[in-house]
Amino acid sequence: MATVKIMPCLDMKNGRVVKGVNFVNLKDAGDPVKNASFYQEEGADELAMLDIAATVENRKTRLEWVKNVAAVINIPLTVGGGIVSLEDIEFVLKAGATKVSMNSAAVKKPDLIKEAAKEFGTEKITIAIDGKRNPKMPSGFDVVIAGGTKAVGKDAVEWARQCEDLGAGVILPTSMDGDGTLKGYDIEFTKMIADAVNVPIVASGGAGKPEHFYDAVVKAGAEILLAASVFHFRTISIGQLKQYLKEKGISVNSARGSRTSIF
């Protein structure tokens, strides 16, 4: 079993970290720079920062947010939101990101994944797949874009396979039905994606207690565990979580990572 990584996620809006339930009802969760520094000190292996309003507001990722967060950490930083071109990827990487995450733009222009992997390397390209239950889809999950506001009629599992074929190095599936609920990751959705591809999977959306993280690894096959609410509101510390997983036989890093590390 691969060593599991813990990845807090900074969902950004108007310069602040926010967190909602099912992608709505956002609450303030603090300053991004202070949170980033805190999570590194706690032992986070990676950090994600998603500009959740960029696509809806039809704008680019705020590069100053990336620069400010990258300046206070030395663990890998994945940045997403409003990235629609190779130029955008270049700017975000130069601002301090280690990897970029794309969702809406990749769905609209799948060849962007291939072009980005060729230009910057597969290991730098994460594809986020927001899924929502839809019995009309073969897998039962539809792909949703534009910050969870638009279902596109594309099967989520088939899309994950296509993303891997095009050059995605990591797949980050989030179940809209579970996001922010603290009721646990959507194991069914995450496992379907993990079983369909051979690249690392990030479990995302709904973690509320240590058991949920364990289930994502053992039952769903995730290698990276992303969470927001439980970390932002200090329900669970990263140290406590790693100790719990270690005691359950899951391999975790005790030392901090390096921004040059690759999954």
C-alpha atoms as a PDB file:
ATOM      1  CA  MET A   1       0.000   0.000   0.000  1.00  0.00           C
ATOM      2  CA  ALA A   2       1.304   3.435  -0.934  1.00  0.00           C
ATOM      3  CA  THR A   3       2.109   6.001   1.731  1.00  0.00           C
ATOM      4  CA  VAL A   4      -1.015   8.092   2.198  1.00  0.00           C
ATOM      5  CA  LYS A   5      -0.798  11.887   2.074  1.00  0.00           C
ATOM      6  CA  ILE A   6      -2.913  14.416   3.950  1.00  0.00           C
ATOM      7  CA  MET A   7      -3.977  17.475   1.949  1.00  0.00           C
ATOM      8  CA  PRO A   8      -5.894  20.350   3.552  1.00  0.00           C
ATOM      9  CA  CYS A   9      -7.797  22.445   1.014  1.00  0.00           C
ATOM     10  CA  LEU A  10      -8.133  26.222   0.983  1.00  0.00           C
ATOM     11  CA  ASP A  11     -11.311  27.122  -0.916  1.00  0.00           C
ATOM     12  CA  MET A  12     -10.831  30.792  -1.764  1.00  0.00           C
ATOM     13  CA  LYS A  13     -13.298  33.623  -2.322  1.00  0.00           C
ATOM     14  CA  ASN A  14     -12.659  37.373  -1.998  1.00  0.00           C
ATOM     15  CA  GLY A  15      -9.227  36.699  -0.536  1.00  0.00           C
ATOM     16  CA  ARG A  16     -10.495  34.556   2.325  1.00  0.00           C
ATOM     17  CA  VAL A  17     -10.745  30.827   2.980  1.00  0.00           C
ATOM     18  CA  VAL A  18     -14.389  29.741   2.895  1.00  0.00           C
ATOM     19  CA  LYS A  19     -16.253  26.472   3.392  1.00  0.00           C
ATOM     20  CA  GLY A  20     -19.809  25.484   2.583  1.00  0.00           C
ATOM     21  CA  VAL A  21     -22.072  22.473   2.300  1.00  0.00           C
ATOM     22  CA  ASN A  22     -22.833  20.979  -1.133  1.00  0.00           C
ATOM     23  CA  PHE A  23     -20.886  23.906  -2.661  1.00  0.00           C
ATOM     24  CA  VAL A  24     -23.225  26.564  -1.145  1.00  0.00           C
ATOM     25  CA  ASN A  25     -23.873  28.393   2.176  1.00  0.00           C
ATOM     26  CA  LEU A  26     -20.257  29.521   2.440  1.00  0.00           C
ATOM     27  CA  LYS A  27     -18.767  30.453   5.805  1.00  0.00           C
ATOM     28  CA  ASP A  28     -15.545  32.315   6.476  1.00  0.00           C
ATOM     29  CA  ALA A  29     -12.725  30.005   7.559  1.00  0.00           C
ATOM     30  CA  GLY A  30      -9.863  32.438   8.013  1.00  0.00           C
ATOM     31  CA  ASP A  31      -6.820  33.914   6.340  1.00  0.00           C
ATOM     32  CA  PRO A  32      -5.199  31.715   3.659  1.00  0.00           C
ATOM     33  CA  VAL A  33      -1.599  32.551   4.582  1.00  0.00           C
ATOM     34  CA  LYS A  34      -2.134  31.862   8.290  1.00  0.00           C
ATOM     35  CA  ASN A  35      -3.968  28.638   7.500  1.00  0.00           C
ATOM     36  CA  ALA A  36      -1.284  27.464   5.072  1.00  0.00           C
ATOM     37  CA  SER A  37       1.488  28.106   7.575  1.00  0.00           C
ATOM     38  CA  PHE A  38      -0.490  26.395  10.333  1.00  0.00           C
ATOM     39  CA  TYR A  39      -1.125  23.282   8.257  1.00  0.00           C
ATOM     40  CA  GLN A  40       2.515  22.925   7.319  1.00  0.00           C
ATOM     41  CA  GLU A  41       3.475  23.138  10.988  1.00  0.00           C
ATOM     42  CA  GLU A  42       0.864  20.484  11.782  1.00  0.00           C
ATOM     43  CA  GLY A  43       2.462  18.102   9.288  1.00  0.00           C
ATOM     44  CA  ALA A  44       0.367  18.398   6.125  1.00  0.00           C
ATOM     45  CA  ASP A  45       1.996  16.583   3.203  1.00  0.00           C
ATOM     46  CA  GLU A  46       0.406  18.718   0.502  1.00  0.00           C
ATOM     47  CA  LEU A  47      -1.846  21.744   0.255  1.00  0.00           C
ATOM     48  CA  ALA A  48      -4.603  22.553  -2.230  1.00  0.00           C
ATOM     49  CA  MET A  49      -5.885  26.041  -2.993  1.00  0.00           C
ATOM     50  CA  LEU A  50      -8.984  26.403  -5.155  1.00  0.00           C
ATOM     51  CA  ASP A  51     -10.258  29.754  -6.368  1.00  0.00           C
ATOM     52  CA  ILE A  52     -13.870  28.574  -6.306  1.00  0.00           C
ATOM     53  CA  ALA A  53     -15.398  31.691  -7.859  1.00  0.00           C
ATOM     54  CA  ALA A  54     -12.959  32.147 -10.753  1.00  0.00           C
ATOM     55  CA  THR A  55     -14.860  30.139 -13.361  1.00  0.00           C
ATOM     56  CA  VAL A  56     -18.290  31.458 -12.345  1.00  0.00           C
ATOM     57  CA  GLU A  57     -16.944  35.041 -12.419  1.00  0.00           C
ATOM     58  CA  ASN A  58     -15.201  34.343 -15.749  1.00  0.00           C
ATOM     59  CA  ARG A  59     -11.759  35.395 -14.549  1.00  0.00           C
ATOM     60  CA  LYS A  60      -8.296  33.967 -13.947  1.00  0.00           C
ATOM     61  CA  THR A  61      -6.910  32.624 -10.678  1.00  0.00           C
ATOM     62  CA  ARG A  62      -5.723  35.428  -8.403  1.00  0.00           C
ATOM     63  CA  LEU A  63      -1.958  35.015  -8.712  1.00  0.00           C
ATOM     64  CA  GLU A  64      -1.301  37.167  -5.649  1.00  0.00           C
ATOM     65  CA  TRP A  65      -3.121  34.600  -3.525  1.00  0.00           C
ATOM     66  CA  VAL A  66      -0.884  31.859  -4.922  1.00  0.00           C
ATOM     67  CA  LYS A  67       2.283  33.881  -4.313  1.00  0.00           C
ATOM     68  CA  ASN A  68       1.322  34.755  -0.742  1.00  0.00           C
ATOM     69  CA  VAL A  69       0.565  31.158   0.217  1.00  0.00           C
ATOM     70  CA  ALA A  70       3.558  29.662  -1.627  1.00  0.00           C
ATOM     71  CA  ALA A  71       5.852  32.075   0.221  1.00  0.00           C
ATOM     72  CA  VAL A  72       5.108  30.553   3.639  1.00  0.00           C
ATOM     73  CA  ILE A  73       5.227  26.826   2.841  1.00  0.00           C
ATOM     74  CA  ASN A  74       7.659  24.321   1.362  1.00  0.00           C
ATOM     75  CA  ILE A  75       5.224  21.454   0.821  1.00  0.00           C
ATOM     76  CA  PRO A  76       3.643  20.815  -2.601  1.00  0.00           C
ATOM     77  CA  LEU A  77       0.884  23.255  -3.530  1.00  0.00           C
ATOM     78  CA  THR A  78      -1.876  22.381  -6.015  1.00  0.00           C
ATOM     79  CA  VAL A  79      -3.782  25.389  -7.359  1.00  0.00           C
ATOM     80  CA  GLY A  80      -7.064  25.366  -9.262  1.00  0.00           C
ATOM     81  CA  GLY A  81      -9.791  27.705 -10.432  1.00  0.00           C
ATOM     82  CA  GLY A  82     -10.018  29.725 -13.636  1.00  0.00           C
ATOM     83  CA  ILE A  83      -7.165  27.900 -15.379  1.00  0.00           C
ATOM     84  CA  VAL A  84      -8.149  27.674 -19.048  1.00  0.00           C
ATOM     85  CA  SER A  85      -4.925  27.762 -21.074  1.00  0.00           C
ATOM     86  CA  LEU A  86      -1.263  26.761 -21.166  1.00  0.00           C
ATOM     87  CA  GLU A  87      -0.407  30.376 -20.399  1.00  0.00           C
ATOM     88  CA  ASP A  88      -2.546  30.266 -17.266  1.00  0.00           C
ATOM     89  CA  ILE A  89      -0.758  27.113 -16.131  1.00  0.00           C
ATOM     90  CA  GLU A  90       2.626  28.723 -16.714  1.00  0.00           C
ATOM     91  CA  PHE A  91       1.668  31.813 -14.698  1.00  0.00           C
ATOM     92  CA  VAL A  92       0.311  29.754 -11.793  1.00  0.00           C
ATOM     93  CA  LEU A  93       3.405  27.541 -11.669  1.00  0.00           C
ATOM     94  CA  LYS A  94       5.667  30.599 -11.791  1.00  0.00           C
ATOM     95  CA  ALA A  95       3.654  32.124  -8.940  1.00  0.00           C
ATOM     96  CA  GLY A  96       4.701  29.206  -6.748  1.00  0.00           C
ATOM     97  CA  ALA A  97       2.316  26.330  -7.390  1.00  0.00           C
ATOM     98  CA  THR A  98       3.751  22.843  -7.764  1.00  0.00           C
ATOM     99  CA  LYS A  99       0.758  21.486  -9.640  1.00  0.00           C
ATOM    100  CA  VAL A 100      -2.386  22.845 -11.238  1.00  0.00           C
ATOM    101  CA  SER A 101      -5.907  21.492 -11.026  1.00  0.00           C
ATOM    102  CA  MET A 102      -8.390  21.905 -13.869  1.00  0.00           C
ATOM    103  CA  ASN A 103     -12.068  21.065 -14.076  1.00  0.00           C
ATOM    104  CA  SER A 104     -14.385  23.128 -16.292  1.00  0.00           C
ATOM    105  CA  ALA A 105     -11.738  24.018 -18.877  1.00  0.00           C
ATOM    106  CA  ALA A 106     -10.697  20.391 -19.261  1.00  0.00           C
ATOM    107  CA  VAL A 107     -14.294  19.304 -19.839  1.00  0.00           C
ATOM    108  CA  LYS A 108     -14.799  22.013 -22.453  1.00  0.00           C
ATOM    109  CA  LYS A 109     -11.462  21.367 -24.163  1.00  0.00           C
ATOM    110  CA  PRO A 110     -10.105  17.883 -23.387  1.00  0.00           C
ATOM    111  CA  ASP A 111      -7.054  18.420 -25.599  1.00  0.00           C
ATOM    112  CA  LEU A 112      -5.878  20.995 -23.052  1.00  0.00           C
ATOM    113  CA  ILE A 113      -4.997  18.070 -20.766  1.00  0.00           C
ATOM    114  CA  LYS A 114      -2.808  16.499 -23.448  1.00  0.00           C
ATOM    115  CA  GLU A 115      -1.166  19.809 -24.296  1.00  0.00           C
ATOM    116  CA  ALA A 116      -0.537  20.643 -20.634  1.00  0.00           C
ATOM    117  CA  ALA A 117       0.935  17.218 -19.843  1.00  0.00           C
ATOM    118  CA  LYS A 118       3.265  17.509 -22.823  1.00  0.00           C
ATOM    119  CA  GLU A 119       4.325  21.059 -21.969  1.00  0.00           C
ATOM    120  CA  PHE A 120       4.700  20.825 -18.195  1.00  0.00           C
ATOM    121  CA  GLY A 121       4.790  17.113 -17.358  1.00  0.00           C
ATOM    122  CA  THR A 122       2.052  14.683 -16.367  1.00  0.00           C
ATOM    123  CA  GLU A 123       2.977  14.986 -12.688  1.00  0.00           C
ATOM    124  CA  LYS A 124       1.948  18.652 -12.654  1.00  0.00           C
ATOM    125  CA  ILE A 125      -1.549  18.089 -14.034  1.00  0.00           C
ATOM    126  CA  THR A 126      -4.437  17.245 -11.704  1.00  0.00           C
ATOM    127  CA  ILE A 127      -7.942  16.919 -13.092  1.00  0.00           C
ATOM    128  CA  ALA A 128     -10.755  17.637 -10.655  1.00  0.00           C
ATOM    129  CA  ILE A 129     -14.017  15.850 -11.363  1.00  0.00           C
ATOM    130  CA  ASP A 130     -17.078  17.127  -9.543  1.00  0.00           C
ATOM    131  CA  GLY A 131     -19.746  14.445  -9.657  1.00  0.00           C
ATOM    132  CA  LYS A 132     -23.454  14.421  -8.876  1.00  0.00           C
ATOM    133  CA  ARG A 133     -25.736  11.422  -8.791  1.00  0.00           C
ATOM    134  CA  ASN A 134     -27.712  10.947 -11.987  1.00  0.00           C
ATOM    135  CA  PRO A 135     -29.308   7.558 -12.688  1.00  0.00           C
ATOM    136  CA  LYS A 136     -29.260   8.290 -16.411  1.00  0.00           C
ATOM    137  CA  MET A 137     -25.463   8.002 -16.476  1.00  0.00           C
ATOM    138  CA  PRO A 138     -23.870   4.519 -16.875  1.00  0.00           C
ATOM    139  CA  SER A 139     -21.957   4.903 -13.601  1.00  0.00           C
ATOM    140  CA  GLY A 140     -24.763   6.789 -11.884  1.00  0.00           C
ATOM    141  CA  PHE A 141     -22.676   9.979 -11.688  1.00  0.00           C
ATOM    142  CA  ASP A 142     -22.784  13.025 -13.944  1.00  0.00           C
ATOM    143  CA  VAL A 143     -19.916  15.514 -14.332  1.00  0.00           C
ATOM    144  CA  VAL A 144     -20.714  18.994 -12.995  1.00  0.00           C
ATOM    145  CA  ILE A 145     -18.717  22.126 -13.852  1.00  0.00           C
ATOM    146  CA  ALA A 146     -18.720  25.877 -13.140  1.00  0.00           C
ATOM    147  CA  GLY A 147     -18.368  25.511  -9.382  1.00  0.00           C
ATOM    148  CA  GLY A 148     -21.091  22.885  -9.172  1.00  0.00           C
ATOM    149  CA  THR A 149     -23.667  24.936 -11.087  1.00  0.00           C
ATOM    150  CA  LYS A 150     -23.844  23.096 -14.417  1.00  0.00           C
ATOM    151  CA  ALA A 151     -24.314  19.386 -15.123  1.00  0.00           C
ATOM    152  CA  VAL A 152     -22.891  18.489 -18.508  1.00  0.00           C
ATOM    153  CA  GLY A 153     -24.363  15.054 -19.257  1.00  0.00           C
ATOM    154  CA  LYS A 154     -20.972  13.299 -19.228  1.00  0.00           C
ATOM    155  CA  ASP A 155     -20.410  10.093 -17.281  1.00  0.00           C
ATOM    156  CA  ALA A 156     -17.930  10.808 -14.485  1.00  0.00           C
ATOM    157  CA  VAL A 157     -16.147   7.449 -14.564  1.00  0.00           C
ATOM    158  CA  GLU A 158     -15.728   7.438 -18.331  1.00  0.00           C
ATOM    159  CA  TRP A 159     -14.448  11.012 -18.125  1.00  0.00           C
ATOM    160  CA  ALA A 160     -11.850   9.921 -15.542  1.00  0.00           C
ATOM    161  CA  ARG A 161     -10.584   7.234 -17.927  1.00  0.00           C
ATOM    162  CA  GLN A 162     -10.372   9.761 -20.719  1.00  0.00           C
ATOM    163  CA  CYS A 163      -8.458  12.197 -18.509  1.00  0.00           C
ATOM    164  CA  GLU A 164      -5.868   9.533 -17.681  1.00  0.00           C
ATOM    165  CA  ASP A 165      -5.491   8.660 -21.361  1.00  0.00           C
ATOM    166  CA  LEU A 166      -4.935  12.335 -22.179  1.00  0.00           C
ATOM    167  CA  GLY A 167      -2.161  12.677 -19.597  1.00  0.00           C
ATOM    168  CA  ALA A 168      -3.630  13.591 -16.230  1.00  0.00           C
ATOM    169  CA  GLY A 169      -1.240  12.654 -13.420  1.00  0.00           C
ATOM    170  CA  VAL A 170      -3.774  12.803 -10.583  1.00  0.00           C
ATOM    171  CA  ILE A 171      -7.574  12.603 -10.465  1.00  0.00           C
ATOM    172  CA  LEU A 172      -9.447  14.550  -7.782  1.00  0.00           C
ATOM    173  CA  PRO A 173     -13.088  13.422  -7.624  1.00  0.00           C
ATOM    174  CA  THR A 174     -15.494  15.318  -5.375  1.00  0.00           C
ATOM    175  CA  SER A 175     -19.050  14.174  -4.783  1.00  0.00           C
ATOM    176  CA  MET A 176     -21.313  17.221  -4.624  1.00  0.00           C
ATOM    177  CA  ASP A 177     -23.761  15.141  -2.613  1.00  0.00           C
ATOM    178  CA  GLY A 178     -21.229  14.728   0.177  1.00  0.00           C
ATOM    179  CA  ASP A 179     -19.275  17.995   0.083  1.00  0.00           C
ATOM    180  CA  GLY A 180     -19.097  19.708   3.466  1.00  0.00           C
ATOM    181  CA  THR A 181     -21.611  17.354   5.086  1.00  0.00           C
ATOM    182  CA  LEU A 182     -19.067  15.747   7.454  1.00  0.00           C
ATOM    183  CA  LYS A 183     -20.849  12.442   6.854  1.00  0.00           C
ATOM    184  CA  GLY A 184     -17.920  10.814   5.104  1.00  0.00           C
ATOM    185  CA  TYR A 185     -16.407  10.666   1.651  1.00  0.00           C
ATOM    186  CA  ASP A 186     -18.618   9.279  -1.083  1.00  0.00           C
ATOM    187  CA  ILE A 187     -16.941   5.870  -1.053  1.00  0.00           C
ATOM    188  CA  GLU A 188     -18.956   4.551  -3.996  1.00  0.00           C
ATOM    189  CA  PHE A 189     -17.994   7.462  -6.238  1.00  0.00           C
ATOM    190  CA  THR A 190     -14.346   7.535  -5.161  1.00  0.00           C
ATOM    191  CA  LYS A 191     -13.918   3.765  -5.578  1.00  0.00           C
ATOM    192  CA  MET A 192     -15.491   3.813  -9.040  1.00  0.00           C
ATOM    193  CA  ILE A 193     -12.950   6.381 -10.162  1.00  0.00           C
ATOM    194  CA  ALA A 194     -10.045   4.622  -8.434  1.00  0.00           C
ATOM    195  CA  ASP A 195     -10.962   1.296 -10.029  1.00  0.00           C
ATOM    196  CA  ALA A 196     -11.173   2.904 -13.474  1.00  0.00           C
ATOM    197  CA  VAL A 197      -7.720   4.518 -13.573  1.00  0.00           C
ATOM    198  CA  ASN A 198      -4.122   3.810 -12.583  1.00  0.00           C
ATOM    199  CA  VAL A 199      -3.102   7.276 -11.395  1.00  0.00           C
ATOM    200  CA  PRO A 200      -3.323   8.475  -7.778  1.00  0.00           C
ATOM    201  CA  ILE A 201      -6.791   9.416  -6.532  1.00  0.00           C
ATOM    202  CA  VAL A 202      -7.547  12.254  -4.143  1.00  0.00           C
ATOM    203  CA  ALA A 203     -10.524  11.550  -1.875  1.00  0.00           C
ATOM    204  CA  SER A 204     -12.502  14.768  -1.467  1.00  0.00           C
ATOM    205  CA  GLY A 205     -15.788  15.962  -0.039  1.00  0.00           C
ATOM    206  CA  GLY A 206     -17.458  15.094   3.255  1.00  0.00           C
ATOM    207  CA  ALA A 207     -14.786  13.941   5.730  1.00  0.00           C
ATOM    208  CA  GLY A 208     -15.975  14.475   9.296  1.00  0.00           C
ATOM    209  CA  LYS A 209     -14.066  12.044  11.526  1.00  0.00           C
ATOM    210  CA  PRO A 210     -10.911   9.907  11.399  1.00  0.00           C
ATOM    211  CA  GLU A 211     -12.828   6.802  10.347  1.00  0.00           C
ATOM    212  CA  HIS A 212     -13.858   8.532   7.138  1.00  0.00           C
ATOM    213  CA  PHE A 213     -10.236   9.017   6.121  1.00  0.00           C
ATOM    214  CA  TYR A 214      -9.469   5.362   6.871  1.00  0.00           C
ATOM    215  CA  ASP A 215     -12.443   4.221   4.784  1.00  0.00           C
ATOM    216  CA  ALA A 216     -11.291   6.346   1.844  1.00  0.00           C
ATOM    217  CA  VAL A 217      -7.993   4.458   1.799  1.00  0.00           C
ATOM    218  CA  VAL A 218      -9.171   0.930   2.577  1.00  0.00           C
ATOM    219  CA  LYS A 219     -12.588   0.892   0.905  1.00  0.00           C
ATOM    220  CA  ALA A 220     -12.102   3.363  -1.942  1.00  0.00           C
ATOM    221  CA  GLY A 221      -8.407   3.103  -2.825  1.00  0.00           C
ATOM    222  CA  ALA A 222      -7.504   6.784  -2.341  1.00  0.00           C
ATOM    223  CA  GLU A 223      -3.850   7.732  -1.875  1.00  0.00           C
ATOM    224  CA  ILE A 224      -4.335  11.411  -1.045  1.00  0.00           C
ATOM    225  CA  LEU A 225      -6.874  12.544   1.530  1.00  0.00           C
ATOM    226  CA  LEU A 226      -8.209  16.059   1.016  1.00  0.00           C
ATOM    227  CA  ALA A 227     -10.355  17.784   3.611  1.00  0.00           C
ATOM    228  CA  ALA A 228     -11.347  21.293   4.573  1.00  0.00           C
ATOM    229  CA  SER A 229     -14.012  21.714   7.274  1.00  0.00           C
ATOM    230  CA  VAL A 230     -12.483  19.397   9.870  1.00  0.00           C
ATOM    231  CA  PHE A 231      -9.126  21.157   9.550  1.00  0.00           C
ATOM    232  CA  HIS A 232     -10.351  24.754   9.189  1.00  0.00           C
ATOM    233  CA  PHE A 233     -12.607  24.522  12.225  1.00  0.00           C
ATOM    234  CA  ARG A 234      -9.996  22.497  14.152  1.00  0.00           C
ATOM    235  CA  THR A 235     -12.241  19.475  14.664  1.00  0.00           C
ATOM    236  CA  ILE A 236      -9.340  17.147  13.852  1.00  0.00           C
ATOM    237  CA  SER A 237      -5.640  17.962  13.883  1.00  0.00           C
ATOM    238  CA  ILE A 238      -3.387  16.551  11.179  1.00  0.00           C
ATOM    239  CA  GLY A 239      -1.163  15.054  13.857  1.00  0.00           C
ATOM    240  CA  GLN A 240      -4.090  13.250  15.467  1.00  0.00           C
ATOM    241  CA  LEU A 241      -5.267  11.995  12.094  1.00  0.00           C
ATOM    242  CA  LYS A 242      -1.868  10.653  11.112  1.00  0.00           C
ATOM    243  CA  GLN A 243      -1.508   8.896  14.457  1.00  0.00           C
ATOM    244  CA  TYR A 244      -4.937   7.312  14.040  1.00  0.00           C
ATOM    245  CA  LEU A 245      -4.164   6.091  10.525  1.00  0.00           C
ATOM    246  CA  LYS A 246      -0.773   4.773  11.612  1.00  0.00           C
ATOM    247  CA  GLU A 247      -2.359   2.801  14.441  1.00  0.00           C
ATOM    248  CA  LYS A 248      -4.803   1.333  11.906  1.00  0.00           C
ATOM    249  CA  GLY A 249      -1.920   0.095   9.770  1.00  0.00           C
ATOM    250  CA  ILE A 250      -1.926   2.852   7.155  1.00  0.00           C
ATOM    251  CA  SER A 251       1.475   4.130   6.030  1.00  0.00           C
ATOM    252  CA  VAL A 252       1.777   7.907   6.570  1.00  0.00           C
ATOM    253  CA  ASN A 253       4.642  10.381   6.493  1.00  0.00           C
ATOM    254  CA  SER A 254       5.798  11.544   9.889  1.00  0.00           C
ATOM    255  CA  ALA A 255       8.134  14.177   8.442  1.00  0.00           C
ATOM    256  CA  ARG A 256       7.101  17.141   6.334  1.00  0.00           C
ATOM    257  CA  GLY A 257       7.262  16.805   2.560  1.00  0.00           C
ATOM    258  CA  SER A 258       9.147  18.858   0.027  1.00  0.00           C
ATOM    259  CA  ARG A 259       7.577  20.969  -2.688  1.00  0.00           C
ATOM    260  CA  THR A 260       9.669  19.124  -5.222  1.00  0.00           C
ATOM    261  CA  SER A 261       8.162  15.756  -4.287  1.00  0.00           C
ATOM    262  CA  ILE A 262       6.016  13.897  -6.768  1.00  0.00           C
ATOM    263  CA  PHE A 263       3.170  11.484  -6.016  1.00  0.00           C
END
